[in-house]
Amino acid sequence: MSDKIRLLIAFLFVVGGVAGYYYLQDSTVALAGMLRVLSVLLGILLAAGVAYTSEPGKRFLVFARDSVAEAKRVVWPSQKETMQTTGIVIVFAITMALFLWMVDASLMTLVNRLMGRAE
């Protein structure tokens, strides 16, 4: 139950930050734009701090760390491989578009002939 309360408080911090952003919208202070952004950032940081103290927050942090570690292990394709794959996809898409256009035109001609509306 305390985790739900912590997550609710975290949500309220985010809402408070966004509310501060809109509250300062009509402000005449010279740094109003920066204060608006700081309001949202402060709300998010406070929410993250409170959310981290909950069990779901800690699980999320472990998940995020594991995700970053997994992304570092990925072998990304080289520029040459990327260009070749992109070229193959573009050629395939054009080929399929032409094929489907021919099938559609053939079926339209067939239907027109069957209905007695020959061209």
Protein backbone atom coordinates (compact mmCIF):
# COMPACT_ATOMS: atom_id res chain seq x y z
CA MET A 1 0.00 0.00 0.00
CA SER A 2 2.83 2.42 0.77
CA ASP A 3 4.20 1.89 -2.76
CA LYS A 4 0.92 3.10 -4.21
CA ILE A 5 1.02 6.17 -2.00
CA ARG A 6 4.61 6.90 -3.05
CA LEU A 7 3.71 6.56 -6.72
CA LEU A 8 0.70 8.83 -6.19
CA ILE A 9 2.95 11.43 -4.56
CA ALA A 10 5.37 11.10 -7.48
CA PHE A 11 2.50 11.66 -9.91
CA LEU A 12 1.38 14.70 -7.94
CA PHE A 13 4.91 16.14 -8.16
CA VAL A 14 4.77 15.84 -11.96
CA VAL A 15 1.32 17.42 -12.01
CA GLY A 16 2.62 20.21 -9.76
CA GLY A 17 5.54 20.85 -12.10
CA VAL A 18 3.25 21.06 -15.11
CA ALA A 19 0.83 23.28 -13.17
CA GLY A 20 3.74 25.56 -12.28
CA TYR A 21 4.65 25.72 -15.96
CA TYR A 22 1.19 27.00 -16.87
CA TYR A 23 0.91 29.20 -13.75
CA LEU A 24 4.05 31.07 -14.79
CA GLN A 25 2.80 31.50 -18.35
CA ASP A 26 1.57 35.05 -17.80
CA SER A 27 4.45 36.01 -15.53
CA THR A 28 6.23 39.28 -16.27
CA VAL A 29 9.48 38.15 -14.65
CA ALA A 30 12.43 38.42 -17.02
CA LEU A 31 13.39 34.78 -16.53
CA ALA A 32 9.83 33.43 -16.75
CA GLY A 33 10.68 31.00 -19.55
CA MET A 34 13.53 29.50 -17.60
CA LEU A 35 11.41 29.33 -14.43
CA ARG A 36 8.70 27.49 -16.35
CA VAL A 37 11.14 24.86 -17.58
CA LEU A 38 12.73 24.57 -14.13
CA SER A 39 9.28 24.03 -12.65
CA VAL A 40 8.69 21.00 -14.86
CA LEU A 41 12.21 19.66 -14.33
CA LEU A 42 11.93 20.04 -10.56
CA GLY A 43 8.59 18.21 -10.60
CA ILE A 44 10.07 15.37 -12.64
CA LEU A 45 13.20 15.11 -10.49
CA LEU A 46 11.18 15.07 -7.27
CA ALA A 47 8.83 12.49 -8.77
CA ALA A 48 11.76 10.31 -9.82
CA GLY A 49 13.25 10.54 -6.35
CA VAL A 50 10.01 9.54 -4.67
CA ALA A 51 9.27 6.83 -7.24
CA TYR A 52 12.73 5.34 -6.71
CA THR A 53 11.89 4.67 -3.06
CA SER A 54 9.08 2.34 -4.12
CA GLU A 55 9.55 -1.29 -5.15
CA PRO A 56 8.25 -0.73 -8.73
CA GLY A 57 10.65 2.21 -9.04
CA LYS A 58 13.62 0.08 -8.03
CA ARG A 59 12.56 -2.67 -10.46
CA PHE A 60 12.28 -0.07 -13.22
CA LEU A 61 15.80 1.18 -12.49
CA VAL A 62 17.18 -2.38 -12.70
CA PHE A 63 15.27 -2.89 -15.96
CA ALA A 64 16.68 0.37 -17.37
CA ARG A 65 20.24 -0.62 -16.44
CA ASP A 66 19.79 -4.05 -18.01
CA SER A 67 18.36 -2.44 -21.16
CA VAL A 68 21.36 -0.14 -21.51
CA ALA A 69 23.74 -3.07 -20.99
CA GLU A 70 21.87 -5.10 -23.63
CA ALA A 71 21.95 -2.20 -26.11
CA LYS A 72 25.73 -2.00 -25.69
CA ARG A 73 26.04 -5.67 -26.67
CA VAL A 74 24.14 -5.21 -29.93
CA VAL A 75 26.25 -5.45 -33.07
CA TRP A 76 25.07 -2.59 -35.23
CA PRO A 77 25.37 -2.89 -39.03
CA SER A 78 28.00 -0.92 -40.90
CA GLN A 79 27.07 1.95 -43.18
CA LYS A 80 27.60 -0.27 -46.24
CA GLU A 81 25.28 -2.98 -44.86
CA THR A 82 22.67 -0.37 -43.97
CA MET A 83 22.74 1.15 -47.45
CA GLN A 84 22.51 -2.26 -49.13
CA THR A 85 19.59 -3.33 -46.95
CA THR A 86 17.82 -0.03 -47.55
CA GLY A 87 18.30 -0.42 -51.30
CA ILE A 88 16.87 -3.94 -51.22
CA VAL A 89 13.83 -2.75 -49.27
CA ILE A 90 13.22 0.14 -51.71
CA VAL A 91 13.54 -2.13 -54.76
CA PHE A 92 11.19 -4.68 -53.17
CA ALA A 93 8.63 -1.99 -52.34
CA ILE A 94 8.69 -0.65 -55.91
CA THR A 95 8.42 -4.19 -57.33
CA MET A 96 5.46 -5.00 -55.11
CA ALA A 97 3.77 -1.70 -55.99
CA LEU A 98 4.10 -2.45 -59.71
CA PHE A 99 2.88 -6.02 -59.23
CA LEU A 100 -0.15 -4.93 -57.25
CA TRP A 101 -0.90 -2.19 -59.80
CA MET A 102 -0.83 -4.81 -62.61
CA VAL A 103 -3.10 -7.17 -60.64
CA ASP A 104 -5.51 -4.33 -59.88
CA ALA A 105 -5.59 -3.17 -63.51
CA SER A 106 -6.13 -6.75 -64.74
CA LEU A 107 -8.97 -7.37 -62.30
CA MET A 108 -10.58 -4.04 -63.18
CA THR A 109 -10.42 -4.90 -66.90
CA LEU A 110 -11.85 -8.38 -66.23
CA VAL A 111 -14.73 -7.02 -64.16
CA ASN A 112 -15.51 -4.37 -66.77
CA ARG A 113 -15.64 -7.01 -69.51
CA LEU A 114 -17.85 -9.30 -67.44
CA MET A 115 -20.24 -6.41 -66.80
CA GLY A 116 -20.33 -5.54 -70.50
CA ARG A 117 -18.48 -2.25 -70.16
CA ALA A 118 -15.61 -3.15 -72.45
CA GLU A 119 -13.25 -0.29 -73.12
